[in-house]
Amino acid sequence: MAKDNEVSLKGLDTFSKQFLLSGDQNARKGEPEYITVGEGQKISPAALKHYDEERAKAFMLRAGSFTEDLIAFIVEQKKMRDLDDVAAIFALALANINLRNAYGNPRGNAEKTTPQERDGLLAEFDAICMGAQEYFDANAEDA
């Protein structure tokens, strides 16, 4: 369990882990599950800009690869279940609605999530989706 001054490394790409562990003396003992957050690293603006650019590239590669796998799975399932396009689109829309609802209630218990927390999380989900739409619009060949 993480302490208040610790951050989990789970799910981070290799570049981000290396960046965060670069000043951590415990990193020499193997990759820790959490790192302790202190006052922050002393880093030049150029190095921080480079980190942000590399992190964005790594994110897009990981997310893009996952998207390709999801599309392949959907095509496979659509064929296997003999679904038409309308049924497949309905199922995907319903899945996304469920994902949004779950994102807005991360603890799985509506009583534990305040209305303000839920509104904030749903706004975050919507912003992520808008970012994906903007990325698609900027990068799709036939859009």
N, C-alpha and C. Protein backbone atom coordinates (compact mmCIF):
# COMPACT_ATOMS: atom_id res chain seq x y z
N MET A 1 0.84 -1.18 0.00
CA MET A 1 0.00 0.00 0.00
C MET A 1 0.88 1.24 0.00
N ALA A 2 0.55 2.18 -0.87
CA ALA A 2 1.35 3.40 -0.99
C ALA A 2 1.10 4.33 0.19
N LYS A 3 2.17 4.99 0.59
CA LYS A 3 2.06 6.04 1.60
C LYS A 3 1.66 7.33 0.89
N ASP A 4 1.33 8.36 1.66
CA ASP A 4 0.90 9.63 1.08
C ASP A 4 1.95 10.25 0.17
N ASN A 5 3.22 10.01 0.45
CA ASN A 5 4.28 10.63 -0.35
C ASN A 5 4.86 9.66 -1.38
N GLU A 6 4.11 8.63 -1.76
CA GLU A 6 4.59 7.65 -2.73
C GLU A 6 3.68 7.63 -3.96
N VAL A 7 4.30 7.32 -5.09
CA VAL A 7 3.59 7.21 -6.36
C VAL A 7 3.90 5.84 -6.95
N SER A 8 2.88 5.18 -7.47
CA SER A 8 3.06 3.87 -8.08
C SER A 8 3.69 4.00 -9.46
N LEU A 9 4.53 3.05 -9.81
CA LEU A 9 5.13 3.00 -11.14
C LEU A 9 4.35 2.08 -12.07
N LYS A 10 3.33 1.43 -11.55
CA LYS A 10 2.55 0.47 -12.33
C LYS A 10 1.92 1.15 -13.55
N GLY A 11 2.09 0.54 -14.70
CA GLY A 11 1.47 1.04 -15.92
C GLY A 11 2.28 2.09 -16.66
N LEU A 12 3.39 2.53 -16.09
CA LEU A 12 4.20 3.53 -16.78
C LEU A 12 5.06 2.88 -17.85
N ASP A 13 5.30 3.60 -18.93
CA ASP A 13 6.19 3.10 -19.96
C ASP A 13 7.63 3.17 -19.45
N THR A 14 8.52 2.50 -20.14
CA THR A 14 9.92 2.40 -19.72
C THR A 14 10.57 3.77 -19.61
N PHE A 15 10.32 4.65 -20.56
CA PHE A 15 10.92 5.98 -20.54
C PHE A 15 10.52 6.75 -19.29
N SER A 16 9.23 6.70 -18.94
CA SER A 16 8.74 7.41 -17.75
C SER A 16 9.34 6.83 -16.48
N LYS A 17 9.45 5.50 -16.40
CA LYS A 17 10.06 4.87 -15.24
C LYS A 17 11.51 5.31 -15.08
N GLN A 18 12.25 5.31 -16.19
CA GLN A 18 13.65 5.73 -16.13
C GLN A 18 13.77 7.17 -15.68
N PHE A 19 12.88 8.02 -16.17
CA PHE A 19 12.90 9.42 -15.78
C PHE A 19 12.67 9.57 -14.29
N LEU A 20 11.65 8.88 -13.77
CA LEU A 20 11.31 9.01 -12.37
C LEU A 20 12.34 8.36 -11.45
N LEU A 21 12.98 7.31 -11.92
CA LEU A 21 13.95 6.60 -11.09
C LEU A 21 15.36 7.15 -11.19
N SER A 22 15.60 8.08 -12.10
CA SER A 22 16.96 8.54 -12.34
C SER A 22 17.64 9.11 -11.10
N GLY A 23 16.91 9.73 -10.20
CA GLY A 23 17.52 10.28 -9.00
C GLY A 23 17.25 9.46 -7.76
N ASP A 24 16.64 8.29 -7.91
CA ASP A 24 16.26 7.48 -6.76
C ASP A 24 17.35 6.46 -6.44
N GLN A 25 17.94 6.58 -5.28
CA GLN A 25 19.01 5.66 -4.87
C GLN A 25 18.51 4.22 -4.76
N ASN A 26 17.22 4.03 -4.44
CA ASN A 26 16.68 2.68 -4.30
C ASN A 26 16.53 1.98 -5.65
N ALA A 27 16.59 2.73 -6.75
CA ALA A 27 16.42 2.13 -8.07
C ALA A 27 17.51 1.11 -8.37
N ARG A 28 18.67 1.27 -7.71
CA ARG A 28 19.77 0.33 -7.93
C ARG A 28 19.45 -1.06 -7.38
N LYS A 29 18.49 -1.15 -6.49
CA LYS A 29 18.14 -2.42 -5.86
C LYS A 29 17.08 -3.17 -6.65
N GLY A 30 16.79 -2.75 -7.86
CA GLY A 30 15.73 -3.34 -8.66
C GLY A 30 14.58 -2.35 -8.73
N GLU A 31 13.67 -2.60 -9.64
CA GLU A 31 12.58 -1.65 -9.85
C GLU A 31 11.58 -1.72 -8.71
N PRO A 32 11.41 -0.64 -7.98
CA PRO A 32 10.44 -0.64 -6.89
C PRO A 32 9.01 -0.52 -7.43
N GLU A 33 8.05 -0.88 -6.60
CA GLU A 33 6.65 -0.73 -6.98
C GLU A 33 6.21 0.72 -6.85
N TYR A 34 6.78 1.41 -5.86
CA TYR A 34 6.44 2.81 -5.60
C TYR A 34 7.73 3.62 -5.49
N ILE A 35 7.63 4.91 -5.77
CA ILE A 35 8.74 5.80 -5.51
C ILE A 35 8.26 6.87 -4.52
N THR A 36 9.19 7.35 -3.73
CA THR A 36 8.88 8.39 -2.77
C THR A 36 8.99 9.74 -3.46
N VAL A 37 7.98 10.55 -3.27
CA VAL A 37 7.96 11.88 -3.87
C VAL A 37 8.45 12.88 -2.84
N GLY A 38 9.50 13.58 -3.20
CA GLY A 38 10.06 14.60 -2.31
C GLY A 38 9.70 15.97 -2.84
N GLU A 39 10.69 16.84 -2.86
CA GLU A 39 10.46 18.20 -3.32
C GLU A 39 10.50 18.30 -4.83
N GLY A 40 10.88 17.27 -5.51
CA GLY A 40 10.94 17.31 -6.96
C GLY A 40 12.36 17.32 -7.47
N GLN A 41 12.51 16.89 -8.70
CA GLN A 41 13.82 16.85 -9.31
C GLN A 41 14.20 18.23 -9.81
N LYS A 42 15.47 18.47 -9.81
CA LYS A 42 16.00 19.67 -10.46
C LYS A 42 16.22 19.27 -11.91
N ILE A 43 15.46 19.87 -12.80
CA ILE A 43 15.55 19.49 -14.20
C ILE A 43 15.43 20.73 -15.07
N SER A 44 16.19 20.74 -16.14
CA SER A 44 16.17 21.90 -17.02
C SER A 44 14.87 21.92 -17.82
N PRO A 45 14.42 23.08 -18.23
CA PRO A 45 13.22 23.16 -19.06
C PRO A 45 13.34 22.35 -20.35
N ALA A 46 14.54 22.32 -20.94
CA ALA A 46 14.74 21.54 -22.17
C ALA A 46 14.57 20.05 -21.90
N ALA A 47 15.13 19.57 -20.78
CA ALA A 47 15.00 18.15 -20.44
C ALA A 47 13.54 17.81 -20.14
N LEU A 48 12.84 18.70 -19.47
CA LEU A 48 11.43 18.46 -19.17
C LEU A 48 10.60 18.44 -20.45
N LYS A 49 10.92 19.34 -21.37
CA LYS A 49 10.21 19.35 -22.67
C LYS A 49 10.46 18.04 -23.41
N HIS A 50 11.72 17.59 -23.41
CA HIS A 50 12.05 16.32 -24.07
C HIS A 50 11.28 15.17 -23.43
N TYR A 51 11.24 15.16 -22.10
CA TYR A 51 10.50 14.11 -21.39
C TYR A 51 9.03 14.13 -21.80
N ASP A 52 8.41 15.31 -21.81
CA ASP A 52 6.99 15.41 -22.17
C ASP A 52 6.74 14.91 -23.59
N GLU A 53 7.63 15.27 -24.52
CA GLU A 53 7.48 14.81 -25.91
C GLU A 53 7.61 13.30 -26.02
N GLU A 54 8.61 12.74 -25.35
CA GLU A 54 8.81 11.28 -25.38
C GLU A 54 7.65 10.55 -24.71
N ARG A 55 7.16 11.10 -23.61
CA ARG A 55 6.04 10.49 -22.90
C ARG A 55 4.80 10.48 -23.79
N ALA A 56 4.56 11.57 -24.50
CA ALA A 56 3.40 11.64 -25.40
C ALA A 56 3.53 10.62 -26.53
N LYS A 57 4.74 10.48 -27.09
CA LYS A 57 4.96 9.48 -28.15
C LYS A 57 4.71 8.07 -27.63
N ALA A 58 5.27 7.77 -26.45
CA ALA A 58 5.11 6.43 -25.87
C ALA A 58 3.64 6.15 -25.58
N PHE A 59 2.93 7.15 -25.08
CA PHE A 59 1.50 6.98 -24.80
C PHE A 59 0.76 6.65 -26.08
N MET A 60 1.02 7.39 -27.15
CA MET A 60 0.31 7.15 -28.40
C MET A 60 0.65 5.77 -28.97
N LEU A 61 1.88 5.34 -28.84
CA LEU A 61 2.24 4.00 -29.33
C LEU A 61 1.51 2.91 -28.55
N ARG A 62 1.48 3.05 -27.22
CA ARG A 62 0.80 2.04 -26.40
C ARG A 62 -0.70 2.06 -26.65
N ALA A 63 -1.28 3.25 -26.65
CA ALA A 63 -2.72 3.37 -26.86
C ALA A 63 -3.09 2.94 -28.28
N GLY A 64 -2.26 3.29 -29.26
CA GLY A 64 -2.54 2.91 -30.65
C GLY A 64 -2.47 1.41 -30.84
N SER A 65 -1.49 0.77 -30.23
CA SER A 65 -1.38 -0.68 -30.32
C SER A 65 -2.59 -1.36 -29.68
N PHE A 66 -3.01 -0.85 -28.54
CA PHE A 66 -4.19 -1.40 -27.86
C PHE A 66 -5.44 -1.21 -28.73
N THR A 67 -5.55 -0.04 -29.38
CA THR A 67 -6.68 0.22 -30.26
C THR A 67 -6.72 -0.79 -31.41
N GLU A 68 -5.57 -1.05 -32.00
CA GLU A 68 -5.51 -2.03 -33.09
C GLU A 68 -5.96 -3.41 -32.61
N ASP A 69 -5.53 -3.80 -31.43
CA ASP A 69 -5.94 -5.09 -30.87
C ASP A 69 -7.44 -5.12 -30.60
N LEU A 70 -7.98 -4.02 -30.09
CA LEU A 70 -9.42 -3.95 -29.84
C LEU A 70 -10.22 -4.06 -31.13
N ILE A 71 -9.77 -3.37 -32.17
CA ILE A 71 -10.48 -3.42 -33.45
C ILE A 71 -10.44 -4.84 -34.01
N ALA A 72 -9.30 -5.49 -33.94
CA ALA A 72 -9.20 -6.88 -34.42
C ALA A 72 -10.13 -7.79 -33.62
N PHE A 73 -10.19 -7.59 -32.32
CA PHE A 73 -11.08 -8.39 -31.48
C PHE A 73 -12.54 -8.15 -31.86
N ILE A 74 -12.89 -6.90 -32.08
CA ILE A 74 -14.27 -6.56 -32.44
C ILE A 74 -14.66 -7.20 -33.77
N VAL A 75 -13.78 -7.11 -34.75
CA VAL A 75 -14.05 -7.72 -36.06
C VAL A 75 -14.23 -9.22 -35.91
N GLU A 76 -13.35 -9.84 -35.12
CA GLU A 76 -13.44 -11.29 -34.89
C GLU A 76 -14.76 -11.65 -34.20
N GLN A 77 -15.11 -10.93 -33.16
CA GLN A 77 -16.34 -11.21 -32.42
C GLN A 77 -17.58 -10.94 -33.27
N LYS A 78 -17.53 -9.90 -34.08
CA LYS A 78 -18.66 -9.58 -34.95
C LYS A 78 -18.93 -10.74 -35.91
N LYS A 79 -17.86 -11.29 -36.49
CA LYS A 79 -18.01 -12.44 -37.39
C LYS A 79 -18.48 -13.67 -36.63
N MET A 80 -17.85 -13.95 -35.50
CA MET A 80 -18.16 -15.14 -34.71
C MET A 80 -19.62 -15.14 -34.26
N ARG A 81 -20.15 -13.97 -33.92
CA ARG A 81 -21.52 -13.85 -33.41
C ARG A 81 -22.53 -13.53 -34.51
N ASP A 82 -22.03 -13.40 -35.74
CA ASP A 82 -22.87 -13.09 -36.89
C ASP A 82 -23.70 -11.83 -36.64
N LEU A 83 -23.01 -10.77 -36.21
CA LEU A 83 -23.68 -9.50 -35.93
C LEU A 83 -23.63 -8.60 -37.15
N ASP A 84 -24.70 -7.84 -37.35
CA ASP A 84 -24.65 -6.82 -38.40
C ASP A 84 -24.02 -5.55 -37.81
N ASP A 85 -23.79 -4.56 -38.65
CA ASP A 85 -23.13 -3.34 -38.21
C ASP A 85 -23.92 -2.63 -37.12
N VAL A 86 -25.24 -2.59 -37.22
CA VAL A 86 -26.06 -1.90 -36.24
C VAL A 86 -25.91 -2.53 -34.86
N ALA A 87 -25.95 -3.85 -34.80
CA ALA A 87 -25.80 -4.54 -33.51
C ALA A 87 -24.40 -4.31 -32.93
N ALA A 88 -23.39 -4.33 -33.78
CA ALA A 88 -22.02 -4.12 -33.31
C ALA A 88 -21.85 -2.69 -32.79
N ILE A 89 -22.37 -1.72 -33.51
CA ILE A 89 -22.27 -0.32 -33.07
C ILE A 89 -23.03 -0.11 -31.77
N PHE A 90 -24.21 -0.70 -31.67
CA PHE A 90 -24.99 -0.58 -30.43
C PHE A 90 -24.20 -1.17 -29.25
N ALA A 91 -23.63 -2.35 -29.46
CA ALA A 91 -22.87 -3.00 -28.39
C ALA A 91 -21.66 -2.16 -27.97
N LEU A 92 -20.95 -1.59 -28.93
CA LEU A 92 -19.79 -0.76 -28.61
C LEU A 92 -20.21 0.54 -27.91
N ALA A 93 -21.30 1.12 -28.35
CA ALA A 93 -21.80 2.33 -27.69
C ALA A 93 -22.18 2.02 -26.25
N LEU A 94 -22.87 0.91 -26.04
CA LEU A 94 -23.26 0.52 -24.69
C LEU A 94 -22.04 0.22 -23.82
N ALA A 95 -21.03 -0.41 -24.41
CA ALA A 95 -19.79 -0.67 -23.66
C ALA A 95 -19.13 0.65 -23.24
N ASN A 96 -19.10 1.63 -24.13
CA ASN A 96 -18.51 2.92 -23.80
C ASN A 96 -19.31 3.66 -22.74
N ILE A 97 -20.62 3.55 -22.79
CA ILE A 97 -21.46 4.15 -21.75
C ILE A 97 -21.15 3.52 -20.41
N ASN A 98 -20.99 2.20 -20.40
CA ASN A 98 -20.64 1.50 -19.16
C ASN A 98 -19.25 1.90 -18.67
N LEU A 99 -18.29 2.06 -19.58
CA LEU A 99 -16.95 2.50 -19.19
C LEU A 99 -16.99 3.89 -18.57
N ARG A 100 -17.76 4.79 -19.16
CA ARG A 100 -17.87 6.15 -18.63
C ARG A 100 -18.48 6.12 -17.23
N ASN A 101 -19.53 5.34 -17.06
CA ASN A 101 -20.19 5.23 -15.76
C ASN A 101 -19.22 4.67 -14.71
N ALA A 102 -18.47 3.64 -15.08
CA ALA A 102 -17.51 3.05 -14.15
C ALA A 102 -16.38 4.03 -13.83
N TYR A 103 -15.95 4.81 -14.80
CA TYR A 103 -14.90 5.80 -14.57
C TYR A 103 -15.37 6.86 -13.58
N GLY A 104 -16.64 7.20 -13.65
CA GLY A 104 -17.22 8.20 -12.75
C GLY A 104 -17.51 7.66 -11.36
N ASN A 105 -17.37 6.36 -11.19
CA ASN A 105 -17.63 5.73 -9.89
C ASN A 105 -16.54 4.69 -9.65
N PRO A 106 -15.30 5.14 -9.45
CA PRO A 106 -14.18 4.21 -9.41
C PRO A 106 -14.18 3.23 -8.25
N ARG A 107 -14.89 3.55 -7.21
CA ARG A 107 -14.90 2.67 -6.05
C ARG A 107 -15.97 1.60 -6.16
N GLY A 108 -16.80 1.67 -7.18
CA GLY A 108 -17.84 0.67 -7.37
C GLY A 108 -19.00 0.81 -6.41
N ASN A 109 -19.05 1.93 -5.70
CA ASN A 109 -20.12 2.14 -4.73
C ASN A 109 -20.49 3.61 -4.79
N ALA A 110 -21.65 3.90 -5.37
CA ALA A 110 -22.07 5.29 -5.59
C ALA A 110 -22.11 6.10 -4.30
N GLU A 111 -22.38 5.45 -3.17
CA GLU A 111 -22.45 6.18 -1.91
C GLU A 111 -21.09 6.72 -1.48
N LYS A 112 -20.00 6.11 -1.94
CA LYS A 112 -18.66 6.54 -1.55
C LYS A 112 -18.11 7.64 -2.45
N THR A 113 -18.72 7.85 -3.59
CA THR A 113 -18.26 8.87 -4.53
C THR A 113 -19.18 10.08 -4.40
N THR A 114 -18.59 11.21 -4.05
CA THR A 114 -19.42 12.41 -3.90
C THR A 114 -19.87 12.89 -5.28
N PRO A 115 -20.97 13.64 -5.35
CA PRO A 115 -21.41 14.18 -6.63
C PRO A 115 -20.33 15.04 -7.30
N GLN A 116 -19.56 15.77 -6.50
CA GLN A 116 -18.50 16.61 -7.06
C GLN A 116 -17.38 15.74 -7.65
N GLU A 117 -17.02 14.67 -6.94
CA GLU A 117 -15.99 13.75 -7.46
C GLU A 117 -16.48 13.12 -8.77
N ARG A 118 -17.72 12.66 -8.76
CA ARG A 118 -18.29 12.02 -9.97
C ARG A 118 -18.30 13.00 -11.14
N ASP A 119 -18.76 14.22 -10.91
CA ASP A 119 -18.79 15.22 -11.98
C ASP A 119 -17.39 15.47 -12.53
N GLY A 120 -16.42 15.56 -11.64
CA GLY A 120 -15.04 15.78 -12.07
C GLY A 120 -14.50 14.63 -12.89
N LEU A 121 -14.78 13.41 -12.43
CA LEU A 121 -14.31 12.22 -13.16
C LEU A 121 -14.99 12.09 -14.52
N LEU A 122 -16.28 12.38 -14.57
CA LEU A 122 -16.99 12.31 -15.85
C LEU A 122 -16.49 13.39 -16.81
N ALA A 123 -16.18 14.57 -16.29
CA ALA A 123 -15.61 15.63 -17.13
C ALA A 123 -14.23 15.20 -17.65
N GLU A 124 -13.46 14.52 -16.80
CA GLU A 124 -12.15 14.01 -17.22
C GLU A 124 -12.31 12.96 -18.32
N PHE A 125 -13.26 12.05 -18.15
CA PHE A 125 -13.53 11.03 -19.16
C PHE A 125 -13.89 11.69 -20.49
N ASP A 126 -14.79 12.69 -20.42
CA ASP A 126 -15.22 13.38 -21.63
C ASP A 126 -14.06 14.12 -22.30
N ALA A 127 -13.15 14.68 -21.48
CA ALA A 127 -11.98 15.36 -22.04
C ALA A 127 -11.04 14.37 -22.73
N ILE A 128 -10.89 13.18 -22.16
CA ILE A 128 -10.07 12.14 -22.79
C ILE A 128 -10.68 11.77 -24.13
N CYS A 129 -12.00 11.59 -24.16
CA CYS A 129 -12.67 11.26 -25.41
C CYS A 129 -12.52 12.37 -26.44
N MET A 130 -12.62 13.61 -26.00
CA MET A 130 -12.44 14.74 -26.92
C MET A 130 -11.01 14.76 -27.45
N GLY A 131 -10.04 14.46 -26.61
CA GLY A 131 -8.66 14.37 -27.07
C GLY A 131 -8.49 13.28 -28.12
N ALA A 132 -9.15 12.15 -27.93
CA ALA A 132 -9.09 11.06 -28.91
C ALA A 132 -9.73 11.50 -30.23
N GLN A 133 -10.85 12.23 -30.14
CA GLN A 133 -11.51 12.73 -31.35
C GLN A 133 -10.61 13.71 -32.09
N GLU A 134 -9.97 14.60 -31.35
CA GLU A 134 -9.06 15.57 -31.97
C GLU A 134 -7.87 14.87 -32.60
N TYR A 135 -7.35 13.84 -31.94
CA TYR A 135 -6.24 13.07 -32.50
C TYR A 135 -6.68 12.40 -33.78
N PHE A 136 -7.86 11.79 -33.76
CA PHE A 136 -8.38 11.12 -34.95
C PHE A 136 -8.55 12.11 -36.09
N ASP A 137 -9.18 13.24 -35.79
CA ASP A 137 -9.41 14.26 -36.82
C ASP A 137 -8.09 14.74 -37.45
N ALA A 138 -7.07 14.87 -36.64
CA ALA A 138 -5.79 15.37 -37.13
C ALA A 138 -4.98 14.31 -37.88
N ASN A 139 -5.28 13.03 -37.63
CA ASN A 139 -4.42 11.97 -38.18
C ASN A 139 -5.10 11.00 -39.14
N ALA A 140 -6.42 11.03 -39.21
CA ALA A 140 -7.11 10.09 -40.09
C ALA A 140 -6.94 10.52 -41.54
N GLU A 141 -6.63 9.56 -42.37
CA GLU A 141 -6.40 9.85 -43.78
C GLU A 141 -7.68 10.19 -44.52
N ASP A 142 -8.78 9.57 -44.13
CA ASP A 142 -10.03 9.78 -44.87
C ASP A 142 -11.07 10.55 -44.08
N ALA A 143 -10.66 11.23 -43.01
CA ALA A 143 -11.62 11.96 -42.19
C ALA A 143 -11.97 13.30 -42.81
